């Protein structure tokens, strides 16, 4: 399982993932990273191999490959963009 030192590495990777996804990660997403790490270790991978496996998961994720702009629904059927979605649109525009 994830030791304290390894948990720090996984949490550090979570910081990178948040930047890569262009938004802060939700608690459940960080937990999913920890579970994936624990599963990789349980499958017999070393710490380094488990971290590489997590990186592969992140780099193939739709949240990284595609620009998400879901927004929250308004009463008119349109979607209001949040601050992270608006910043992403502005960055891609510029």
PDB file of N, CA and C in Angstrom:
ATOM      1  N   UNK A   1       0.837  -1.196   0.000  1.00  0.00           N
ATOM      2  CA  UNK A   1       0.000   0.000   0.000  1.00  0.00           C
ATOM      3  C   UNK A   1       0.875   1.249   0.000  1.00  0.00           C
ATOM      4  N   UNK A   2       0.237   2.365  -0.072  1.00  0.00           N
ATOM      5  CA  UNK A   2       0.926   3.650  -0.186  1.00  0.00           C
ATOM      6  C   UNK A   2       1.509   4.038   1.178  1.00  0.00           C
ATOM      7  N   UNK A   3       2.844   4.052   1.292  1.00  0.00           N
ATOM      8  CA  UNK A   3       3.482   4.509   2.522  1.00  0.00           C
ATOM      9  C   UNK A   3       3.436   6.032   2.558  1.00  0.00           C
ATOM     10  N   UNK A   4       3.869   6.602   3.676  1.00  0.00           N
ATOM     11  CA  UNK A   4       3.823   8.062   3.798  1.00  0.00           C
ATOM     12  C   UNK A   4       4.695   8.735   2.739  1.00  0.00           C
ATOM     13  N   UNK A   5       5.892   8.189   2.496  1.00  0.00           N
ATOM     14  CA  UNK A   5       6.779   8.784   1.492  1.00  0.00           C
ATOM     15  C   UNK A   5       6.193   8.638   0.093  1.00  0.00           C
ATOM     16  N   UNK A   6       5.641   7.474  -0.197  1.00  0.00           N
ATOM     17  CA  UNK A   6       5.045   7.255  -1.518  1.00  0.00           C
ATOM     18  C   UNK A   6       3.782   8.075  -1.698  1.00  0.00           C
ATOM     19  N   UNK A   7       3.024   8.263  -0.619  1.00  0.00           N
ATOM     20  CA  UNK A   7       1.812   9.080  -0.702  1.00  0.00           C
ATOM     21  C   UNK A   7       2.184  10.518  -1.057  1.00  0.00           C
ATOM     22  N   UNK A   8       3.325  10.982  -0.553  1.00  0.00           N
ATOM     23  CA  UNK A   8       3.797  12.319  -0.899  1.00  0.00           C
ATOM     24  C   UNK A   8       4.089  12.406  -2.390  1.00  0.00           C
ATOM     25  N   UNK A   9       4.670  11.355  -2.949  1.00  0.00           N
ATOM     26  CA  UNK A   9       4.949  11.336  -4.386  1.00  0.00           C
ATOM     27  C   UNK A   9       3.657  11.357  -5.190  1.00  0.00           C
ATOM     28  N   UNK A  10       2.685  10.569  -4.757  1.00  0.00           N
ATOM     29  CA  UNK A  10       1.400  10.533  -5.470  1.00  0.00           C
ATOM     30  C   UNK A  10       0.703  11.880  -5.344  1.00  0.00           C
ATOM     31  N   UNK A  11       0.760  12.492  -4.161  1.00  0.00           N
ATOM     32  CA  UNK A  11       0.160  13.819  -3.987  1.00  0.00           C
ATOM     33  C   UNK A  11       0.880  14.862  -4.826  1.00  0.00           C
ATOM     34  N   UNK A  12       2.200  14.726  -4.964  1.00  0.00           N
ATOM     35  CA  UNK A  12       2.957  15.628  -5.836  1.00  0.00           C
ATOM     36  C   UNK A  12       2.539  15.474  -7.284  1.00  0.00           C
ATOM     37  N   UNK A  13       2.295  14.238  -7.694  1.00  0.00           N
ATOM     38  CA  UNK A  13       1.808  13.988  -9.052  1.00  0.00           C
ATOM     39  C   UNK A  13       0.415  14.596  -9.220  1.00  0.00           C
ATOM     40  N   UNK A  14      -0.379  14.573  -8.162  1.00  0.00           N
ATOM     41  CA  UNK A  14      -1.714  15.174  -8.226  1.00  0.00           C
ATOM     42  C   UNK A  14      -1.617  16.666  -8.506  1.00  0.00           C
ATOM     43  N   UNK A  15      -0.586  17.331  -7.981  1.00  0.00           N
ATOM     44  CA  UNK A  15      -0.374  18.746  -8.289  1.00  0.00           C
ATOM     45  C   UNK A  15      -0.102  18.962  -9.768  1.00  0.00           C
ATOM     46  N   UNK A  16       0.718  18.093 -10.343  1.00  0.00           N
ATOM     47  CA  UNK A  16       0.995  18.155 -11.783  1.00  0.00           C
ATOM     48  C   UNK A  16      -0.273  17.901 -12.585  1.00  0.00           C
ATOM     49  N   UNK A  17      -1.063  16.927 -12.151  1.00  0.00           N
ATOM     50  CA  UNK A  17      -2.286  16.570 -12.876  1.00  0.00           C
ATOM     51  C   UNK A  17      -3.259  17.746 -12.882  1.00  0.00           C
ATOM     52  N   UNK A  18      -3.365  18.445 -11.765  1.00  0.00           N
ATOM     53  CA  UNK A  18      -4.230  19.621 -11.709  1.00  0.00           C
ATOM     54  C   UNK A  18      -3.807  20.684 -12.707  1.00  0.00           C
ATOM     55  N   UNK A  19      -2.510  20.885 -12.834  1.00  0.00           N
ATOM     56  CA  UNK A  19      -2.018  21.852 -13.814  1.00  0.00           C
ATOM     57  C   UNK A  19      -2.248  21.349 -15.237  1.00  0.00           C
ATOM     58  N   UNK A  20      -2.057  20.068 -15.448  1.00  0.00           N
ATOM     59  CA  UNK A  20      -2.245  19.498 -16.781  1.00  0.00           C
ATOM     60  C   UNK A  20      -3.714  19.555 -17.200  1.00  0.00           C
ATOM     61  N   UNK A  21      -4.614  19.331 -16.241  1.00  0.00           N
ATOM     62  CA  UNK A  21      -6.050  19.370 -16.539  1.00  0.00           C
ATOM     63  C   UNK A  21      -6.586  20.796 -16.563  1.00  0.00           C
ATOM     64  N   UNK A  22      -5.748  21.776 -16.217  1.00  0.00           N
ATOM     65  CA  UNK A  22      -6.103  23.190 -16.217  1.00  0.00           C
ATOM     66  C   UNK A  22      -7.217  23.532 -15.228  1.00  0.00           C
ATOM     67  N   UNK A  23      -7.223  22.797 -14.118  1.00  0.00           N
ATOM     68  CA  UNK A  23      -8.203  23.054 -13.053  1.00  0.00           C
ATOM     69  C   UNK A  23      -7.766  22.292 -11.808  1.00  0.00           C
ATOM     70  N   UNK A  24      -8.246  22.701 -10.632  1.00  0.00           N
ATOM     71  CA  UNK A  24      -7.892  21.934  -9.429  1.00  0.00           C
ATOM     72  C   UNK A  24      -8.599  20.574  -9.442  1.00  0.00           C
ATOM     73  N   UNK A  25      -7.927  19.571  -8.922  1.00  0.00           N
ATOM     74  CA  UNK A  25      -8.522  18.235  -8.860  1.00  0.00           C
ATOM     75  C   UNK A  25      -9.512  18.150  -7.718  1.00  0.00           C
ATOM     76  N   UNK A  26     -10.530  17.353  -7.918  1.00  0.00           N
ATOM     77  CA  UNK A  26     -11.476  17.081  -6.847  1.00  0.00           C
ATOM     78  C   UNK A  26     -10.891  15.997  -5.953  1.00  0.00           C
ATOM     79  N   UNK A  27     -11.384  15.892  -4.735  1.00  0.00           N
ATOM     80  CA  UNK A  27     -10.867  14.915  -3.778  1.00  0.00           C
ATOM     81  C   UNK A  27     -10.978  13.500  -4.321  1.00  0.00           C
ATOM     82  N   UNK A  28     -12.065  13.182  -4.981  1.00  0.00           N
ATOM     83  CA  UNK A  28     -12.250  11.848  -5.539  1.00  0.00           C
ATOM     84  C   UNK A  28     -11.221  11.505  -6.597  1.00  0.00           C
ATOM     85  N   UNK A  29     -10.787  12.503  -7.352  1.00  0.00           N
ATOM     86  CA  UNK A  29      -9.788  12.260  -8.390  1.00  0.00           C
ATOM     87  C   UNK A  29      -8.423  11.945  -7.784  1.00  0.00           C
ATOM     88  N   UNK A  30      -8.083  12.615  -6.688  1.00  0.00           N
ATOM     89  CA  UNK A  30      -6.826  12.323  -5.998  1.00  0.00           C
ATOM     90  C   UNK A  30      -6.895  10.923  -5.400  1.00  0.00           C
ATOM     91  N   UNK A  31      -8.044  10.578  -4.843  1.00  0.00           N
ATOM     92  CA  UNK A  31      -8.224   9.226  -4.298  1.00  0.00           C
ATOM     93  C   UNK A  31      -8.072   8.170  -5.386  1.00  0.00           C
ATOM     94  N   UNK A  32      -8.563   8.454  -6.591  1.00  0.00           N
ATOM     95  CA  UNK A  32      -8.418   7.518  -7.711  1.00  0.00           C
ATOM     96  C   UNK A  32      -6.952   7.320  -8.070  1.00  0.00           C
ATOM     97  N   UNK A  33      -6.158   8.383  -8.007  1.00  0.00           N
ATOM     98  CA  UNK A  33      -4.723   8.254  -8.258  1.00  0.00           C
ATOM     99  C   UNK A  33      -4.069   7.348  -7.212  1.00  0.00           C
ATOM    100  N   UNK A  34      -4.451   7.540  -5.948  1.00  0.00           N
ATOM    101  CA  UNK A  34      -3.886   6.708  -4.885  1.00  0.00           C
ATOM    102  C   UNK A  34      -4.287   5.248  -5.061  1.00  0.00           C
ATOM    103  N   UNK A  35      -5.526   5.007  -5.425  1.00  0.00           N
ATOM    104  CA  UNK A  35      -6.000   3.636  -5.639  1.00  0.00           C
ATOM    105  C   UNK A  35      -5.266   2.999  -6.807  1.00  0.00           C
ATOM    106  N   UNK A  36      -5.088   3.753  -7.892  1.00  0.00           N
ATOM    107  CA  UNK A  36      -4.351   3.228  -9.045  1.00  0.00           C
ATOM    108  C   UNK A  36      -2.916   2.903  -8.659  1.00  0.00           C
ATOM    109  N   UNK A  37      -2.310   3.735  -7.823  1.00  0.00           N
ATOM    110  CA  UNK A  37      -0.952   3.472  -7.339  1.00  0.00           C
ATOM    111  C   UNK A  37      -0.925   2.195  -6.505  1.00  0.00           C
ATOM    112  N   UNK A  38      -1.864   2.084  -5.562  1.00  0.00           N
ATOM    113  CA  UNK A  38      -1.929   0.887  -4.712  1.00  0.00           C
ATOM    114  C   UNK A  38      -2.131  -0.373  -5.545  1.00  0.00           C
ATOM    115  N   UNK A  39      -2.981  -0.294  -6.558  1.00  0.00           N
ATOM    116  CA  UNK A  39      -3.217  -1.452  -7.431  1.00  0.00           C
ATOM    117  C   UNK A  39      -1.961  -1.829  -8.206  1.00  0.00           C
ATOM    118  N   UNK A  40      -1.215  -0.830  -8.664  1.00  0.00           N
ATOM    119  CA  UNK A  40       0.021  -1.101  -9.398  1.00  0.00           C
ATOM    120  C   UNK A  40       1.045  -1.772  -8.490  1.00  0.00           C
ATOM    121  N   UNK A  41       1.150  -1.311  -7.254  1.00  0.00           N
ATOM    122  CA  UNK A  41       2.076  -1.925  -6.287  1.00  0.00           C
ATOM    123  C   UNK A  41       1.621  -3.348  -5.973  1.00  0.00           C
ATOM    124  N   UNK A  42       0.313  -3.552  -5.819  1.00  0.00           N
ATOM    125  CA  UNK A  42      -0.223  -4.885  -5.539  1.00  0.00           C
ATOM    126  C   UNK A  42       0.039  -5.841  -6.702  1.00  0.00           C
ATOM    127  N   UNK A  43       0.127  -5.305  -7.915  1.00  0.00           N
ATOM    128  CA  UNK A  43       0.412  -6.134  -9.092  1.00  0.00           C
ATOM    129  C   UNK A  43       1.896  -6.464  -9.212  1.00  0.00           C
ATOM    130  N   UNK A  44       2.714  -5.976  -8.276  1.00  0.00           N
ATOM    131  CA  UNK A  44       4.132  -6.313  -8.267  1.00  0.00           C
ATOM    132  C   UNK A  44       5.044  -5.281  -8.900  1.00  0.00           C
ATOM    133  N   UNK A  45       4.530  -4.115  -9.240  1.00  0.00           N
ATOM    134  CA  UNK A  45       5.373  -3.071  -9.817  1.00  0.00           C
ATOM    135  C   UNK A  45       6.176  -2.376  -8.720  1.00  0.00           C
ATOM    136  N   UNK A  46       7.334  -1.861  -9.080  1.00  0.00           N
ATOM    137  CA  UNK A  46       8.113  -1.057  -8.136  1.00  0.00           C
ATOM    138  C   UNK A  46       7.473   0.318  -8.031  1.00  0.00           C
ATOM    139  N   UNK A  47       7.970   1.114  -7.091  1.00  0.00           N
ATOM    140  CA  UNK A  47       7.445   2.477  -6.927  1.00  0.00           C
ATOM    141  C   UNK A  47       7.598   3.271  -8.223  1.00  0.00           C
ATOM    142  N   UNK A  48       8.770   3.186  -8.831  1.00  0.00           N
ATOM    143  CA  UNK A  48       9.024   3.925 -10.071  1.00  0.00           C
ATOM    144  C   UNK A  48       8.094   3.472 -11.185  1.00  0.00           C
ATOM    145  N   UNK A  49       7.916   2.173 -11.327  1.00  0.00           N
ATOM    146  CA  UNK A  49       7.017   1.654 -12.364  1.00  0.00           C
ATOM    147  C   UNK A  49       5.569   2.052 -12.099  1.00  0.00           C
ATOM    148  N   UNK A  50       5.179   2.064 -10.830  1.00  0.00           N
ATOM    149  CA  UNK A  50       3.816   2.472 -10.478  1.00  0.00           C
ATOM    150  C   UNK A  50       3.585   3.943 -10.814  1.00  0.00           C
ATOM    151  N   UNK A  51       4.587   4.796 -10.551  1.00  0.00           N
ATOM    152  CA  UNK A  51       4.464   6.211 -10.885  1.00  0.00           C
ATOM    153  C   UNK A  51       4.416   6.402 -12.400  1.00  0.00           C
ATOM    154  N   UNK A  52       5.196   5.617 -13.141  1.00  0.00           N
ATOM    155  CA  UNK A  52       5.142   5.676 -14.603  1.00  0.00           C
ATOM    156  C   UNK A  52       3.768   5.258 -15.106  1.00  0.00           C
ATOM    157  N   UNK A  53       3.182   4.272 -14.461  1.00  0.00           N
ATOM    158  CA  UNK A  53       1.843   3.825 -14.832  1.00  0.00           C
ATOM    159  C   UNK A  53       0.821   4.947 -14.613  1.00  0.00           C
ATOM    160  N   UNK A  54       0.952   5.656 -13.491  1.00  0.00           N
ATOM    161  CA  UNK A  54       0.049   6.786 -13.226  1.00  0.00           C
ATOM    162  C   UNK A  54       0.224   7.873 -14.279  1.00  0.00           C
ATOM    163  N   UNK A  55       1.467   8.134 -14.654  1.00  0.00           N
ATOM    164  CA  UNK A  55       1.708   9.145 -15.691  1.00  0.00           C
ATOM    165  C   UNK A  55       1.072   8.747 -17.015  1.00  0.00           C
ATOM    166  N   UNK A  56       1.157   7.469 -17.352  1.00  0.00           N
ATOM    167  CA  UNK A  56       0.513   7.001 -18.588  1.00  0.00           C
ATOM    168  C   UNK A  56      -0.992   7.219 -18.531  1.00  0.00           C
ATOM    169  N   UNK A  57      -1.583   6.937 -17.374  1.00  0.00           N
ATOM    170  CA  UNK A  57      -3.034   7.141 -17.206  1.00  0.00           C
ATOM    171  C   UNK A  57      -3.377   8.613 -17.415  1.00  0.00           C
ATOM    172  N   UNK A  58      -2.603   9.493 -16.803  1.00  0.00           N
ATOM    173  CA  UNK A  58      -2.860  10.936 -16.894  1.00  0.00           C
ATOM    174  C   UNK A  58      -2.681  11.438 -18.322  1.00  0.00           C
ATOM    175  N   UNK A  59      -1.596  11.022 -18.977  1.00  0.00           N
ATOM    176  CA  UNK A  59      -1.300  11.525 -20.316  1.00  0.00           C
ATOM    177  C   UNK A  59      -2.265  11.017 -21.374  1.00  0.00           C
ATOM    178  N   UNK A  60      -3.031   9.967 -21.063  1.00  0.00           N
ATOM    179  CA  UNK A  60      -4.037   9.451 -21.993  1.00  0.00           C
ATOM    180  C   UNK A  60      -5.450   9.891 -21.621  1.00  0.00           C
ATOM    181  N   UNK A  61      -5.559  10.674 -20.578  1.00  0.00           N
ATOM    182  CA  UNK A  61      -6.863  11.080 -20.079  1.00  0.00           C
ATOM    183  C   UNK A  61      -7.532  12.098 -21.002  1.00  0.00           C
ATOM    184  N   UNK A  62      -8.829  11.960 -21.213  1.00  0.00           N
ATOM    185  CA  UNK A  62      -9.543  12.952 -22.040  1.00  0.00           C
ATOM    186  C   UNK A  62      -9.471  14.369 -21.466  1.00  0.00           C
ATOM    187  N   UNK A  63      -9.356  14.487 -20.126  1.00  0.00           N
ATOM    188  CA  UNK A  63      -9.268  15.819 -19.525  1.00  0.00           C
ATOM    189  C   UNK A  63      -7.990  16.536 -19.934  1.00  0.00           C
ATOM    190  N   UNK A  64      -6.948  15.786 -20.276  1.00  0.00           N
ATOM    191  CA  UNK A  64      -5.707  16.398 -20.746  1.00  0.00           C
ATOM    192  C   UNK A  64      -5.752  16.637 -22.249  1.00  0.00           C
ATOM    193  N   UNK A  65      -6.285  15.665 -22.975  1.00  0.00           N
ATOM    194  CA  UNK A  65      -6.239  15.725 -24.439  1.00  0.00           C
ATOM    195  C   UNK A  65      -7.256  16.686 -25.036  1.00  0.00           C
ATOM    196  N   UNK A  66      -8.378  16.869 -24.363  1.00  0.00           N
ATOM    197  CA  UNK A  66      -9.434  17.725 -24.901  1.00  0.00           C
ATOM    198  C   UNK A  66      -9.674  18.896 -23.970  1.00  0.00           C
ATOM    199  N   UNK A  67     -10.071  19.993 -24.540  1.00  0.00           N
ATOM    200  CA  UNK A  67     -10.385  21.185 -23.754  1.00  0.00           C
ATOM    201  C   UNK A  67     -11.840  21.085 -23.331  1.00  0.00           C
ATOM    202  N   UNK A  68     -12.054  20.901 -22.039  1.00  0.00           N
ATOM    203  CA  UNK A  68     -13.415  20.792 -21.530  1.00  0.00           C
ATOM    204  C   UNK A  68     -13.952  22.173 -21.185  1.00  0.00           C
ATOM    205  N   UNK A  69     -15.153  22.432 -21.573  1.00  0.00           N
ATOM    206  CA  UNK A  69     -15.829  23.670 -21.199  1.00  0.00           C
ATOM    207  C   UNK A  69     -17.289  23.325 -20.958  1.00  0.00           C
ATOM    208  N   UNK A  70     -17.549  22.701 -19.851  1.00  0.00           N
ATOM    209  CA  UNK A  70     -18.902  22.245 -19.563  1.00  0.00           C
ATOM    210  C   UNK A  70     -19.763  23.353 -18.989  1.00  0.00           C
ATOM    211  N   UNK A  71     -19.229  24.093 -18.049  1.00  0.00           N
ATOM    212  CA  UNK A  71     -19.996  25.165 -17.430  1.00  0.00           C
ATOM    213  C   UNK A  71     -21.151  24.635 -16.622  1.00  0.00           C
ATOM    214  N   UNK A  72     -21.844  25.533 -15.972  1.00  0.00           N
ATOM    215  CA  UNK A  72     -23.022  25.130 -15.203  1.00  0.00           C
ATOM    216  C   UNK A  72     -24.258  25.640 -15.936  1.00  0.00           C
ATOM    217  N   UNK A  73     -25.296  24.799 -16.002  1.00  0.00           N
ATOM    218  CA  UNK A  73     -26.488  25.180 -16.769  1.00  0.00           C
ATOM    219  C   UNK A  73     -27.199  26.396 -16.168  1.00  0.00           C
ATOM    220  N   UNK A  74     -27.702  27.235 -17.040  1.00  0.00           N
ATOM    221  CA  UNK A  74     -28.507  28.379 -16.608  1.00  0.00           C
ATOM    222  C   UNK A  74     -29.956  28.110 -16.970  1.00  0.00           C
ATOM    223  N   UNK A  75     -30.828  29.000 -16.583  1.00  0.00           N
ATOM    224  CA  UNK A  75     -32.261  28.789 -16.822  1.00  0.00           C
ATOM    225  C   UNK A  75     -32.607  28.847 -18.308  1.00  0.00           C
ATOM    226  N   UNK A  76     -31.813  29.546 -19.116  1.00  0.00           N
ATOM    227  CA  UNK A  76     -32.097  29.672 -20.540  1.00  0.00           C
ATOM    228  C   UNK A  76     -31.576  28.521 -21.375  1.00  0.00           C
ATOM    229  N   UNK A  77     -31.034  27.488 -20.729  1.00  0.00           N
ATOM    230  CA  UNK A  77     -30.505  26.361 -21.467  1.00  0.00           C
ATOM    231  C   UNK A  77     -29.056  26.537 -21.885  1.00  0.00           C
ATOM    232  N   UNK A  78     -28.519  27.724 -21.656  1.00  0.00           N
ATOM    233  CA  UNK A  78     -27.114  27.963 -21.975  1.00  0.00           C
ATOM    234  C   UNK A  78     -26.267  27.512 -20.785  1.00  0.00           C
ATOM    235  N   UNK A  79     -24.970  27.534 -20.972  1.00  0.00           N
ATOM    236  CA  UNK A  79     -24.065  27.142 -19.891  1.00  0.00           C
ATOM    237  C   UNK A  79     -23.148  28.306 -19.550  1.00  0.00           C
ATOM    238  N   UNK A  80     -23.084  28.630 -18.272  1.00  0.00           N
ATOM    239  CA  UNK A  80     -22.196  29.691 -17.790  1.00  0.00           C
ATOM    240  C   UNK A  80     -20.825  29.087 -17.516  1.00  0.00           C
ATOM    241  N   UNK A  81     -19.796  29.668 -18.098  1.00  0.00           N
ATOM    242  CA  UNK A  81     -18.444  29.163 -17.907  1.00  0.00           C
ATOM    243  C   UNK A  81     -17.923  29.551 -16.529  1.00  0.00           C
ATOM    244  N   UNK A  82     -17.211  28.621 -15.893  1.00  0.00           N
ATOM    245  CA  UNK A  82     -16.555  28.906 -14.623  1.00  0.00           C
ATOM    246  C   UNK A  82     -15.253  29.642 -14.875  1.00  0.00           C
ATOM    247  N   UNK A  83     -14.590  30.039 -13.811  1.00  0.00           N
ATOM    248  CA  UNK A  83     -13.364  30.830 -13.959  1.00  0.00           C
ATOM    249  C   UNK A  83     -12.257  30.036 -14.658  1.00  0.00           C
ATOM    250  N   UNK A  84     -12.123  28.745 -14.362  1.00  0.00           N
ATOM    251  CA  UNK A  84     -11.075  27.946 -15.003  1.00  0.00           C
ATOM    252  C   UNK A  84     -11.381  27.723 -16.485  1.00  0.00           C
ATOM    253  N   UNK A  85     -12.645  27.503 -16.802  1.00  0.00           N
ATOM    254  CA  UNK A  85     -13.030  27.306 -18.199  1.00  0.00           C
ATOM    255  C   UNK A  85     -12.844  28.590 -19.005  1.00  0.00           C
ATOM    256  N   UNK A  86     -13.186  29.703 -18.401  1.00  0.00           N
ATOM    257  CA  UNK A  86     -13.019  30.990 -19.071  1.00  0.00           C
ATOM    258  C   UNK A  86     -11.534  31.301 -19.284  1.00  0.00           C
ATOM    259  N   UNK A  87     -10.706  31.015 -18.277  1.00  0.00           N
ATOM    260  CA  UNK A  87      -9.258  31.242 -18.413  1.00  0.00           C
ATOM    261  C   UNK A  87      -8.678  30.355 -19.501  1.00  0.00           C
ATOM    262  N   UNK A  88      -9.141  29.119 -19.610  1.00  0.00           N
ATOM    263  CA  UNK A  88      -8.649  28.211 -20.639  1.00  0.00           C
ATOM    264  C   UNK A  88      -9.034  28.732 -22.021  1.00  0.00           C
ATOM    265  N   UNK A  89     -10.268  29.176 -22.177  1.00  0.00           N
ATOM    266  CA  UNK A  89     -10.695  29.728 -23.474  1.00  0.00           C
ATOM    267  C   UNK A  89      -9.876  30.953 -23.853  1.00  0.00           C
ATOM    268  N   UNK A  90      -9.631  31.816 -22.885  1.00  0.00           N
ATOM    269  CA  UNK A  90      -8.861  33.019 -23.150  1.00  0.00           C
ATOM    270  C   UNK A  90      -7.424  32.657 -23.531  1.00  0.00           C
ATOM    271  N   UNK A  91      -6.829  31.692 -22.835  1.00  0.00           N
ATOM    272  CA  UNK A  91      -5.456  31.283 -23.139  1.00  0.00           C
ATOM    273  C   UNK A  91      -5.358  30.687 -24.540  1.00  0.00           C
ATOM    274  N   UNK A  92      -6.330  29.879 -24.929  1.00  0.00           N
ATOM    275  CA  UNK A  92      -6.299  29.305 -26.274  1.00  0.00           C
ATOM    276  C   UNK A  92      -6.574  30.365 -27.327  1.00  0.00           C
ATOM    277  N   UNK A  93      -7.381  31.356 -27.014  1.00  0.00           N
ATOM    278  CA  UNK A  93      -7.666  32.437 -27.951  1.00  0.00           C
ATOM    279  C   UNK A  93      -6.412  33.256 -28.227  1.00  0.00           C
ATOM    280  N   UNK A  94      -5.686  33.552 -27.133  1.00  0.00           N
ATOM    281  CA  UNK A  94      -4.486  34.393 -27.277  1.00  0.00           C
ATOM    282  C   UNK A  94      -3.375  33.612 -27.923  1.00  0.00           C
TER     283      UNK A  94
END
